[in-house]
C-alpha atoms as a PDB file:
ATOM      1  CA  MET A   1      10.278  -5.845 -11.159  1.00  0.00           C
ATOM      2  CA  LYS A   2      11.054  -5.640  -7.524  1.00  0.00           C
ATOM      3  CA  LEU A   3      11.069  -2.419  -5.633  1.00  0.00           C
ATOM      4  CA  LYS A   4      14.818  -2.302  -5.005  1.00  0.00           C
ATOM      5  CA  PRO A   5      15.841  -2.426  -8.607  1.00  0.00           C
ATOM      6  CA  PHE A   6      13.187  -0.027  -9.522  1.00  0.00           C
ATOM      7  CA  LEU A   7      14.456   2.408  -6.943  1.00  0.00           C
ATOM      8  CA  GLU A   8      18.001   1.802  -8.319  1.00  0.00           C
ATOM      9  CA  THR A   9      16.964   3.248 -11.611  1.00  0.00           C
ATOM     10  CA  LEU A  10      16.034   6.537 -10.144  1.00  0.00           C
ATOM     11  CA  THR A  11      18.327   9.498  -9.144  1.00  0.00           C
ATOM     12  CA  LEU A  12      18.216  10.754  -5.489  1.00  0.00           C
ATOM     13  CA  VAL A  13      15.906  13.523  -6.455  1.00  0.00           C
ATOM     14  CA  GLN A  14      13.724  11.247  -8.411  1.00  0.00           C
ATOM     15  CA  ARG A  15      13.462   8.725  -5.424  1.00  0.00           C
ATOM     16  CA  THR A  16      12.519  11.734  -3.175  1.00  0.00           C
ATOM     17  CA  LYS A  17       9.712  12.748  -5.670  1.00  0.00           C
ATOM     18  CA  PHE A  18       8.549   9.187  -6.050  1.00  0.00           C
ATOM     19  CA  ALA A  19       8.417   8.829  -2.278  1.00  0.00           C
ATOM     20  CA  LYS A  20       6.152  11.790  -1.905  1.00  0.00           C
ATOM     21  CA  ARG A  21       3.984  10.383  -4.771  1.00  0.00           C
ATOM     22  CA  VAL A  22       3.236   7.329  -2.953  1.00  0.00           C
ATOM     23  CA  LYS A  23       2.884   9.241   0.418  1.00  0.00           C
ATOM     24  CA  SER A  24       6.082   7.959   1.954  1.00  0.00           C
ATOM     25  CA  THR A  25       9.687   8.690   2.486  1.00  0.00           C
ATOM     26  CA  ALA A  26      12.815   7.699   0.568  1.00  0.00           C
ATOM     27  CA  GLY A  27      14.231   6.273   3.518  1.00  0.00           C
ATOM     28  CA  HIS A  28      11.114   4.192   4.343  1.00  0.00           C
ATOM     29  CA  LEU A  29      11.001   2.894   0.743  1.00  0.00           C
ATOM     30  CA  ARG A  30      14.756   1.902   1.044  1.00  0.00           C
ATOM     31  CA  ASN A  31      13.838  -0.032   4.252  1.00  0.00           C
ATOM     32  CA  VAL A  32      10.922  -1.758   2.481  1.00  0.00           C
ATOM     33  CA  SER A  33      13.100  -2.611  -0.514  1.00  0.00           C
ATOM     34  CA  TYR A  34      15.783  -4.208   1.654  1.00  0.00           C
ATOM     35  CA  GLY A  35      13.003  -6.102   3.793  1.00  0.00           C
ATOM     36  CA  TYR A  36      13.823  -4.154   6.968  1.00  0.00           C
ATOM     37  CA  ARG A  37      10.389  -2.901   7.212  1.00  0.00           C
ATOM     38  CA  PRO A  38       7.030  -4.334   5.925  1.00  0.00           C
ATOM     39  CA  CYS A  39       5.120  -2.710   3.152  1.00  0.00           C
ATOM     40  CA  ALA A  40       1.600  -1.550   4.286  1.00  0.00           C
ATOM     41  CA  GLU A  41      -1.210  -2.655   1.983  1.00  0.00           C
ATOM     42  CA  ALA A  42      -1.977   0.925   1.084  1.00  0.00           C
ATOM     43  CA  LEU A  43       1.710   1.659   0.227  1.00  0.00           C
ATOM     44  CA  ALA A  44       1.853  -1.323  -1.988  1.00  0.00           C
ATOM     45  CA  ILE A  45      -1.296   0.030  -3.948  1.00  0.00           C
ATOM     46  CA  GLU A  46       0.346   3.416  -4.290  1.00  0.00           C
ATOM     47  CA  ILE A  47       3.624   1.991  -5.458  1.00  0.00           C
ATOM     48  CA  GLU A  48       1.824  -0.316  -8.033  1.00  0.00           C
ATOM     49  CA  LYS A  49      -0.186   2.648  -9.300  1.00  0.00           C
ATOM     50  CA  ALA A  50       2.918   4.960  -9.479  1.00  0.00           C
ATOM     51  CA  THR A  51       5.020   2.504 -11.190  1.00  0.00           C
ATOM     52  CA  GLU A  52       2.267   1.695 -13.745  1.00  0.00           C
ATOM     53  CA  GLY A  53       2.430  -1.953 -12.657  1.00  0.00           C
ATOM     54  CA  GLN A  54       6.256  -2.443 -12.923  1.00  0.00           C
ATOM     55  CA  VAL A  55       6.201  -3.127  -9.199  1.00  0.00           C
ATOM     56  CA  THR A  56       3.085  -4.977  -8.115  1.00  0.00           C
ATOM     57  CA  CYS A  57       1.226  -5.406  -5.050  1.00  0.00           C
ATOM     58  CA  GLU A  58       1.892  -9.194  -5.051  1.00  0.00           C
ATOM     59  CA  GLU A  59       5.712  -8.529  -5.113  1.00  0.00           C
ATOM     60  CA  LEU A  60       5.511  -6.164  -2.205  1.00  0.00           C
ATOM     61  CA  ARG A  61       2.974  -8.200  -0.055  1.00  0.00           C
ATOM     62  CA  PRO A  62       2.761 -11.800  -1.224  1.00  0.00           C
ATOM     63  CA  ASP A  63       0.896 -12.677   2.011  1.00  0.00           C
ATOM     64  CA  VAL A  64      -2.246 -10.617   0.835  1.00  0.00           C
ATOM     65  CA  ASP A  65      -4.791 -12.337  -1.414  1.00  0.00           C
ATOM     66  CA  TRP A  66      -4.642  -9.530  -3.954  1.00  0.00           C
ATOM     67  CA  ALA A  67      -6.375 -11.822  -6.558  1.00  0.00           C
ATOM     68  CA  TYR A  68      -9.619 -11.852  -4.438  1.00  0.00           C
ATOM     69  CA  LEU A  69      -9.338  -8.130  -3.947  1.00  0.00           C
ATOM     70  CA  ARG A  70      -8.886  -7.470  -7.757  1.00  0.00           C
ATOM     71  CA  ASN A  71     -11.668  -9.732  -8.608  1.00  0.00           C
ATOM     72  CA  SER A  72     -13.960  -8.163  -5.935  1.00  0.00           C
ATOM     73  CA  ALA A  73     -13.255  -4.711  -7.558  1.00  0.00           C
ATOM     74  CA  ASN A  74     -14.915  -6.085 -10.760  1.00  0.00           C
ATOM     75  CA  PRO A  75     -17.726  -8.313  -9.777  1.00  0.00           C
ATOM     76  CA  GLN A  76     -19.110 -10.684 -12.374  1.00  0.00           C
ATOM     77  CA  PRO A  77     -22.853 -10.693 -12.858  1.00  0.00           C
ATOM     78  CA  GLN A  78     -24.434 -13.640 -11.156  1.00  0.00           C
ATOM     79  CA  THR A  79     -26.259 -16.071 -13.460  1.00  0.00           C
ATOM     80  CA  ASP A  80     -29.147 -18.170 -12.467  1.00  0.00           C
ATOM     81  CA  THR A  81     -28.280 -21.747 -13.046  1.00  0.00           C
ATOM     82  CA  ALA A  82     -31.253 -23.361 -11.243  1.00  0.00           C
ATOM     83  CA  ALA A  83     -33.380 -23.859 -14.248  1.00  0.00           C
END
């Protein structure tokens, strides 16, 4: 789900509470949802957490290599293939 449709499901009071939860303002979130302002990476992460994945970092900032960052958070053990 994109940010704009998500915000439209909330009442004005809920939007204000949501904005505080993600350490932003309702006005800034509206600007981000309309594309008037860019979404900072840290805000994208907070939005994804607060929406429980309904709005993803990839949707908010497609220019960031989130797959790399997600994989680096859960590093795979290295195996020795030189045998």
